C-alpha atoms as a PDB file:
ATOM      1  CA  MET A   1       0.000   0.000   0.000  1.00  0.00           C
ATOM      2  CA  LYS A   2       1.359   3.421  -0.986  1.00  0.00           C
ATOM      3  CA  ILE A   3      -0.129   6.541   0.577  1.00  0.00           C
ATOM      4  CA  GLN A   4       1.147   9.990  -0.370  1.00  0.00           C
ATOM      5  CA  ILE A   5       1.033  12.995   1.949  1.00  0.00           C
ATOM      6  CA  ILE A   6       0.726  15.953  -0.429  1.00  0.00           C
ATOM      7  CA  ILE A   7       2.124  19.223   0.944  1.00  0.00           C
ATOM      8  CA  GLY A   8      -0.257  21.831  -0.484  1.00  0.00           C
ATOM      9  CA  SER A   9       1.817  24.992  -0.141  1.00  0.00           C
ATOM     10  CA  THR A  10       5.072  26.101  -1.740  1.00  0.00           C
ATOM     11  CA  ARG A  11       5.696  29.535  -0.250  1.00  0.00           C
ATOM     12  CA  PRO A  12       8.698  30.405   1.935  1.00  0.00           C
ATOM     13  CA  GLY A  13       7.808  30.320   5.617  1.00  0.00           C
ATOM     14  CA  ARG A  14       4.963  27.860   5.130  1.00  0.00           C
ATOM     15  CA  VAL A  15       3.934  25.511   7.937  1.00  0.00           C
ATOM     16  CA  SER A  16       2.234  22.863   5.782  1.00  0.00           C
ATOM     17  CA  ASP A  17       5.506  20.934   5.610  1.00  0.00           C
ATOM     18  CA  ARG A  18       5.479  20.682   9.433  1.00  0.00           C
ATOM     19  CA  VAL A  19       1.891  19.468   9.338  1.00  0.00           C
ATOM     20  CA  GLY A  20       2.850  16.877   6.724  1.00  0.00           C
ATOM     21  CA  LYS A  21       5.657  15.583   8.951  1.00  0.00           C
ATOM     22  CA  TRP A  22       3.164  15.373  11.828  1.00  0.00           C
ATOM     23  CA  VAL A  23       0.897  13.222   9.631  1.00  0.00           C
ATOM     24  CA  GLU A  24       3.836  10.990   8.689  1.00  0.00           C
ATOM     25  CA  LYS A  25       4.869  10.568  12.359  1.00  0.00           C
ATOM     26  CA  ALA A  26       1.323   9.766  13.465  1.00  0.00           C
ATOM     27  CA  ALA A  27       1.096   7.070  10.803  1.00  0.00           C
ATOM     28  CA  ALA A  28       4.411   5.547  11.895  1.00  0.00           C
ATOM     29  CA  GLU A  29       3.491   5.674  15.599  1.00  0.00           C
ATOM     30  CA  ASN A  30       0.305   3.756  14.827  1.00  0.00           C
ATOM     31  CA  LYS A  31       2.110   1.153  12.698  1.00  0.00           C
ATOM     32  CA  LEU A  32       0.483   2.338   9.478  1.00  0.00           C
ATOM     33  CA  GLU A  33       2.935   1.652   6.670  1.00  0.00           C
ATOM     34  CA  GLY A  34       3.558   3.002   3.187  1.00  0.00           C
ATOM     35  CA  PHE A  35       3.210   6.731   3.898  1.00  0.00           C
ATOM     36  CA  GLU A  36       5.442   9.114   1.925  1.00  0.00           C
ATOM     37  CA  ILE A  37       5.645  12.900   1.790  1.00  0.00           C
ATOM     38  CA  VAL A  38       5.235  14.440  -1.656  1.00  0.00           C
ATOM     39  CA  ASP A  39       6.093  18.145  -1.658  1.00  0.00           C
ATOM     40  CA  LEU A  40       4.633  20.357  -4.379  1.00  0.00           C
ATOM     41  CA  SER A  41       7.709  22.567  -4.130  1.00  0.00           C
ATOM     42  CA  ASP A  42       9.748  19.745  -5.702  1.00  0.00           C
ATOM     43  CA  TYR A  43       7.811  19.894  -8.981  1.00  0.00           C
ATOM     44  CA  ASP A  44       8.045  23.526 -10.151  1.00  0.00           C
ATOM     45  CA  LEU A  45       4.784  23.325 -12.087  1.00  0.00           C
ATOM     46  CA  PRO A  46       4.139  26.188 -14.510  1.00  0.00           C
ATOM     47  CA  LEU A  47       0.667  27.694 -14.611  1.00  0.00           C
ATOM     48  CA  PHE A  48      -1.651  25.215 -16.269  1.00  0.00           C
ATOM     49  CA  ASP A  49      -1.926  26.221 -19.932  1.00  0.00           C
ATOM     50  CA  GLU A  50      -3.126  23.180 -21.877  1.00  0.00           C
ATOM     51  CA  ALA A  51      -5.632  24.118 -24.577  1.00  0.00           C
ATOM     52  CA  ILE A  52      -7.849  21.073 -23.925  1.00  0.00           C
ATOM     53  CA  SER A  53      -9.043  19.714 -20.589  1.00  0.00           C
ATOM     54  CA  PRO A  54      -6.747  16.818 -19.574  1.00  0.00           C
ATOM     55  CA  LYS A  55      -9.703  14.429 -19.282  1.00  0.00           C
ATOM     56  CA  TYR A  56     -10.759  15.052 -22.870  1.00  0.00           C
ATOM     57  CA  ASN A  57      -7.429  15.098 -24.680  1.00  0.00           C
ATOM     58  CA  PRO A  58      -6.438  11.659 -26.025  1.00  0.00           C
ATOM     59  CA  ASN A  59      -3.280  13.148 -27.568  1.00  0.00           C
ATOM     60  CA  ARG A  60      -2.147  14.897 -24.414  1.00  0.00           C
ATOM     61  CA  THR A  61       1.572  15.589 -23.970  1.00  0.00           C
ATOM     62  CA  PRO A  62       2.061  17.356 -20.616  1.00  0.00           C
ATOM     63  CA  ASN A  63       5.213  19.365 -20.001  1.00  0.00           C
ATOM     64  CA  ASP A  64       8.122  17.538 -18.320  1.00  0.00           C
ATOM     65  CA  ASN A  65       7.436  18.848 -14.811  1.00  0.00           C
ATOM     66  CA  ALA A  66       3.747  18.009 -15.080  1.00  0.00           C
ATOM     67  CA  LYS A  67       4.570  14.512 -16.314  1.00  0.00           C
ATOM     68  CA  LYS A  68       6.848  13.996 -13.320  1.00  0.00           C
ATOM     69  CA  TRP A  69       4.011  15.148 -11.007  1.00  0.00           C
ATOM     70  CA  LEU A  70       1.376  12.974 -12.695  1.00  0.00           C
ATOM     71  CA  ASP A  71       3.651   9.915 -12.731  1.00  0.00           C
ATOM     72  CA  LYS A  72       4.260  10.364  -9.006  1.00  0.00           C
ATOM     73  CA  LEU A  73       0.540  10.605  -8.245  1.00  0.00           C
ATOM     74  CA  SER A  74      -0.100   7.454 -10.267  1.00  0.00           C
ATOM     75  CA  GLU A  75       2.100   5.428  -7.909  1.00  0.00           C
ATOM     76  CA  ALA A  76      -0.181   5.880  -4.889  1.00  0.00           C
ATOM     77  CA  ASP A  77      -3.212   3.976  -3.650  1.00  0.00           C
ATOM     78  CA  ALA A  78      -4.411   6.836  -1.433  1.00  0.00           C
ATOM     79  CA  TYR A  79      -3.617  10.422  -0.481  1.00  0.00           C
ATOM     80  CA  VAL A  80      -3.553  12.805   2.454  1.00  0.00           C
ATOM     81  CA  PHE A  81      -3.823  16.391   1.268  1.00  0.00           C
ATOM     82  CA  VAL A  82      -2.361  18.920   3.705  1.00  0.00           C
ATOM     83  CA  THR A  83      -3.769  22.349   2.921  1.00  0.00           C
ATOM     84  CA  PRO A  84      -3.440  25.767   4.487  1.00  0.00           C
ATOM     85  CA  GLU A  85      -6.194  28.333   4.053  1.00  0.00           C
ATOM     86  CA  TYR A  86      -5.281  31.322   1.893  1.00  0.00           C
ATOM     87  CA  ASN A  87      -8.014  33.928   1.408  1.00  0.00           C
ATOM     88  CA  HIS A  88     -10.761  31.424   2.299  1.00  0.00           C
ATOM     89  CA  SER A  89      -9.483  28.762  -0.108  1.00  0.00           C
ATOM     90  CA  ILE A  90      -6.559  26.491  -0.967  1.00  0.00           C
ATOM     91  CA  SER A  91      -3.244  27.817  -2.219  1.00  0.00           C
ATOM     92  CA  GLY A  92      -2.865  28.731  -5.879  1.00  0.00           C
ATOM     93  CA  ALA A  93      -0.032  26.209  -6.138  1.00  0.00           C
ATOM     94  CA  LEU A  94      -2.275  23.341  -5.021  1.00  0.00           C
ATOM     95  CA  LYS A  95      -5.137  24.367  -7.306  1.00  0.00           C
ATOM     96  CA  ASN A  96      -2.736  24.602 -10.229  1.00  0.00           C
ATOM     97  CA  ALA A  97      -1.306  21.142  -9.478  1.00  0.00           C
ATOM     98  CA  LEU A  98      -4.792  19.641  -9.307  1.00  0.00           C
ATOM     99  CA  ASP A  99      -5.743  21.202 -12.648  1.00  0.00           C
ATOM    100  CA  TYR A 100      -3.134  18.986 -14.342  1.00  0.00           C
ATOM    101  CA  ILE A 101      -4.811  15.765 -13.180  1.00  0.00           C
ATOM    102  CA  ASP A 102      -6.731  13.549 -15.573  1.00  0.00           C
ATOM    103  CA  TYR A 103      -7.259  10.030 -14.138  1.00  0.00           C
ATOM    104  CA  GLN A 104      -4.403   9.544 -11.649  1.00  0.00           C
ATOM    105  CA  LEU A 105      -6.711   9.830  -8.610  1.00  0.00           C
ATOM    106  CA  THR A 106      -9.788   8.098 -10.027  1.00  0.00           C
ATOM    107  CA  ARG A 107     -11.412   5.661  -7.580  1.00  0.00           C
ATOM    108  CA  LYS A 108      -8.694   6.268  -5.001  1.00  0.00           C
ATOM    109  CA  PRO A 109      -9.400   7.657  -1.506  1.00  0.00           C
ATOM    110  CA  ALA A 110      -8.132  10.884  -0.013  1.00  0.00           C
ATOM    111  CA  ALA A 111      -8.195  12.488   3.412  1.00  0.00           C
ATOM    112  CA  VAL A 112      -7.981  16.229   3.966  1.00  0.00           C
ATOM    113  CA  VAL A 113      -5.883  17.761   6.746  1.00  0.00           C
ATOM    114  CA  SER A 114      -6.391  21.512   6.861  1.00  0.00           C
ATOM    115  CA  HIS A 115      -4.932  24.217   9.054  1.00  0.00           C
ATOM    116  CA  GLY A 116      -5.478  27.907   9.643  1.00  0.00           C
ATOM    117  CA  SER A 117      -7.205  30.427  11.887  1.00  0.00           C
ATOM    118  CA  VAL A 118     -10.524  28.536  11.614  1.00  0.00           C
ATOM    119  CA  GLY A 119      -8.903  25.175  11.035  1.00  0.00           C
ATOM    120  CA  GLY A 120      -8.705  25.766   7.312  1.00  0.00           C
ATOM    121  CA  ALA A 121     -12.388  24.835   7.086  1.00  0.00           C
ATOM    122  CA  ARG A 122     -13.135  26.858   3.940  1.00  0.00           C
ATOM    123  CA  ALA A 123     -10.027  25.570   2.187  1.00  0.00           C
ATOM    124  CA  ALA A 124     -11.020  22.018   3.118  1.00  0.00           C
ATOM    125  CA  GLU A 125     -14.485  22.464   1.602  1.00  0.00           C
ATOM    126  CA  HIS A 126     -13.057  23.846  -1.642  1.00  0.00           C
ATOM    127  CA  LEU A 127     -10.456  21.090  -1.811  1.00  0.00           C
ATOM    128  CA  LYS A 128     -13.035  18.337  -1.294  1.00  0.00           C
ATOM    129  CA  ALA A 129     -15.121  19.673  -4.179  1.00  0.00           C
ATOM    130  CA  ILE A 130     -12.086  19.744  -6.484  1.00  0.00           C
ATOM    131  CA  LEU A 131     -11.016  16.234  -5.487  1.00  0.00           C
ATOM    132  CA  LEU A 132     -14.492  14.881  -6.169  1.00  0.00           C
ATOM    133  CA  GLU A 133     -14.383  16.440  -9.635  1.00  0.00           C
ATOM    134  CA  VAL A 134     -11.147  14.613 -10.500  1.00  0.00           C
ATOM    135  CA  GLY A 135     -12.691  11.299  -9.430  1.00  0.00           C
ATOM    136  CA  THR A 136     -11.262  10.963  -5.935  1.00  0.00           C
ATOM    137  CA  VAL A 137     -13.194   9.290  -3.115  1.00  0.00           C
ATOM    138  CA  VAL A 138     -12.985  11.817  -0.271  1.00  0.00           C
ATOM    139  CA  ILE A 139     -13.356   9.986   3.023  1.00  0.00           C
ATOM    140  CA  PRO A 140     -15.766  11.441   5.617  1.00  0.00           C
ATOM    141  CA  PRO A 141     -13.347  12.041   8.518  1.00  0.00           C
ATOM    142  CA  ALA A 142     -11.311  15.220   8.164  1.00  0.00           C
ATOM    143  CA  VAL A 143      -8.716  16.892  10.355  1.00  0.00           C
ATOM    144  CA  ALA A 144      -8.819  20.622  11.037  1.00  0.00           C
ATOM    145  CA  PHE A 145      -5.912  22.099  12.979  1.00  0.00           C
ATOM    146  CA  VAL A 146      -7.119  25.378  14.455  1.00  0.00           C
ATOM    147  CA  GLY A 147      -4.651  28.193  15.010  1.00  0.00           C
ATOM    148  CA  MET A 148      -1.956  30.222  13.348  1.00  0.00           C
ATOM    149  CA  LEU A 149       0.862  27.677  13.506  1.00  0.00           C
ATOM    150  CA  ALA A 150       3.444  30.165  12.223  1.00  0.00           C
ATOM    151  CA  MET A 151       2.921  32.308  15.344  1.00  0.00           C
ATOM    152  CA  ASN A 152       2.222  29.460  17.767  1.00  0.00           C
ATOM    153  CA  PRO A 153       4.447  26.500  16.928  1.00  0.00           C
ATOM    154  CA  THR A 154       2.199  23.735  18.272  1.00  0.00           C
ATOM    155  CA  ILE A 155       3.841  21.527  15.664  1.00  0.00           C
ATOM    156  CA  GLU A 156       7.628  21.710  15.561  1.00  0.00           C
ATOM    157  CA  GLU A 157       9.828  21.704  12.442  1.00  0.00           C
ATOM    158  CA  ASN A 158      10.342  17.945  12.693  1.00  0.00           C
ATOM    159  CA  GLY A 159       6.608  17.222  12.988  1.00  0.00           C
ATOM    160  CA  ASP A 160       6.473  16.691  16.747  1.00  0.00           C
ATOM    161  CA  ILE A 161       3.282  18.016  18.299  1.00  0.00           C
ATOM    162  CA  GLN A 162       3.210  19.542  21.791  1.00  0.00           C
ATOM    163  CA  GLN A 163       2.460  16.796  24.310  1.00  0.00           C
ATOM    164  CA  ASP A 164      -0.472  18.586  25.960  1.00  0.00           C
ATOM    165  CA  VAL A 165      -2.131  18.953  22.547  1.00  0.00           C
ATOM    166  CA  LYS A 166      -1.279  15.369  21.601  1.00  0.00           C
ATOM    167  CA  ASP A 167      -2.887  14.092  24.817  1.00  0.00           C
ATOM    168  CA  GLN A 168      -6.240  15.834  24.320  1.00  0.00           C
ATOM    169  CA  PRO A 169      -8.842  13.027  24.095  1.00  0.00           C
ATOM    170  CA  TYR A 170     -10.811  14.813  21.351  1.00  0.00           C
ATOM    171  CA  GLY A 171      -7.968  16.879  19.941  1.00  0.00           C
ATOM    172  CA  PRO A 172      -6.244  16.952  16.564  1.00  0.00           C
ATOM    173  CA  GLN A 173      -4.040  13.897  17.240  1.00  0.00           C
ATOM    174  CA  THR A 174      -7.054  11.679  17.876  1.00  0.00           C
ATOM    175  CA  ALA A 175      -8.841  13.077  14.836  1.00  0.00           C
ATOM    176  CA  LEU A 176      -5.766  12.456  12.692  1.00  0.00           C
ATOM    177  CA  VAL A 177      -5.269   8.855  13.822  1.00  0.00           C
ATOM    178  CA  ASN A 178      -8.953   8.097  13.241  1.00  0.00           C
ATOM    179  CA  ALA A 179      -8.788   9.627   9.751  1.00  0.00           C
ATOM    180  CA  LEU A 180      -5.620   7.722   8.843  1.00  0.00           C
ATOM    181  CA  ASN A 181      -7.099   4.406   9.935  1.00  0.00           C
ATOM    182  CA  GLU A 182     -10.218   5.121   7.900  1.00  0.00           C
ATOM    183  CA  LEU A 183      -8.103   6.098   4.903  1.00  0.00           C
ATOM    184  CA  VAL A 184      -6.192   2.812   5.054  1.00  0.00           C
ATOM    185  CA  TRP A 185      -9.504   0.905   5.183  1.00  0.00           C
ATOM    186  CA  TYR A 186     -10.780   2.733   2.099  1.00  0.00           C
ATOM    187  CA  ALA A 187      -7.437   2.310   0.332  1.00  0.00           C
ATOM    188  CA  GLU A 188      -7.494  -1.459   0.799  1.00  0.00           C
ATOM    189  CA  ALA A 189     -11.148  -1.783  -0.198  1.00  0.00           C
ATOM    190  CA  LEU A 190     -10.842   0.373  -3.306  1.00  0.00           C
ATOM    191  CA  LYS A 191      -7.573  -1.241  -4.391  1.00  0.00           C
ATOM    192  CA  THR A 192      -9.320  -4.605  -4.313  1.00  0.00           C
ATOM    193  CA  ALA A 193     -12.273  -3.210  -6.251  1.00  0.00           C
ATOM    194  CA  ARG A 194     -10.025  -1.571  -8.888  1.00  0.00           C
ATOM    195  CA  SER A 195      -8.181  -4.858  -9.414  1.00  0.00           C
ATOM    196  CA  LYS A 196     -11.426  -6.476 -10.599  1.00  0.00           C
ATOM    197  CA  ASN A 197     -11.843  -4.042 -13.502  1.00  0.00           C
END
């Protein structure tokens, strides 16, 4: 099973990379295997400029960076999208990356982990709608990390979360572990179903 943690921000000073490391550590601590961080900043995607929608272009030849991105996505059985909230939505970099997708995420599950002053709730809603449009199965549990993490480093650079926050019975750590377990269930079920087609 391969599960990619997509870091949905590329700007200097971002905290989404910390959140992604937190997700990776939580998976490891709970003996969930196959998780890998995939950082959008490693792909240098130009603004999407294909003349025909990727889903409707049988002769599509994406640019080299886009091909690298799409090939990477194709490797996974499931995804965790880590998104900040910028101006009540997802980052432009994440939206641009998603616009390149044709069928890489079809019938595969995804979880959304959002963060921001209101837990990234509006970004999470926008992201879920986009993921559904590209054929992704968005699982019901979501994780919303409330607070400005850049000013209050609840999650450290290496992904460690403050112990008092980690120990909250209904806090973000519990929500994350529940979502990851659910994601693995969906990933296994959908992988089996896809293999029959």
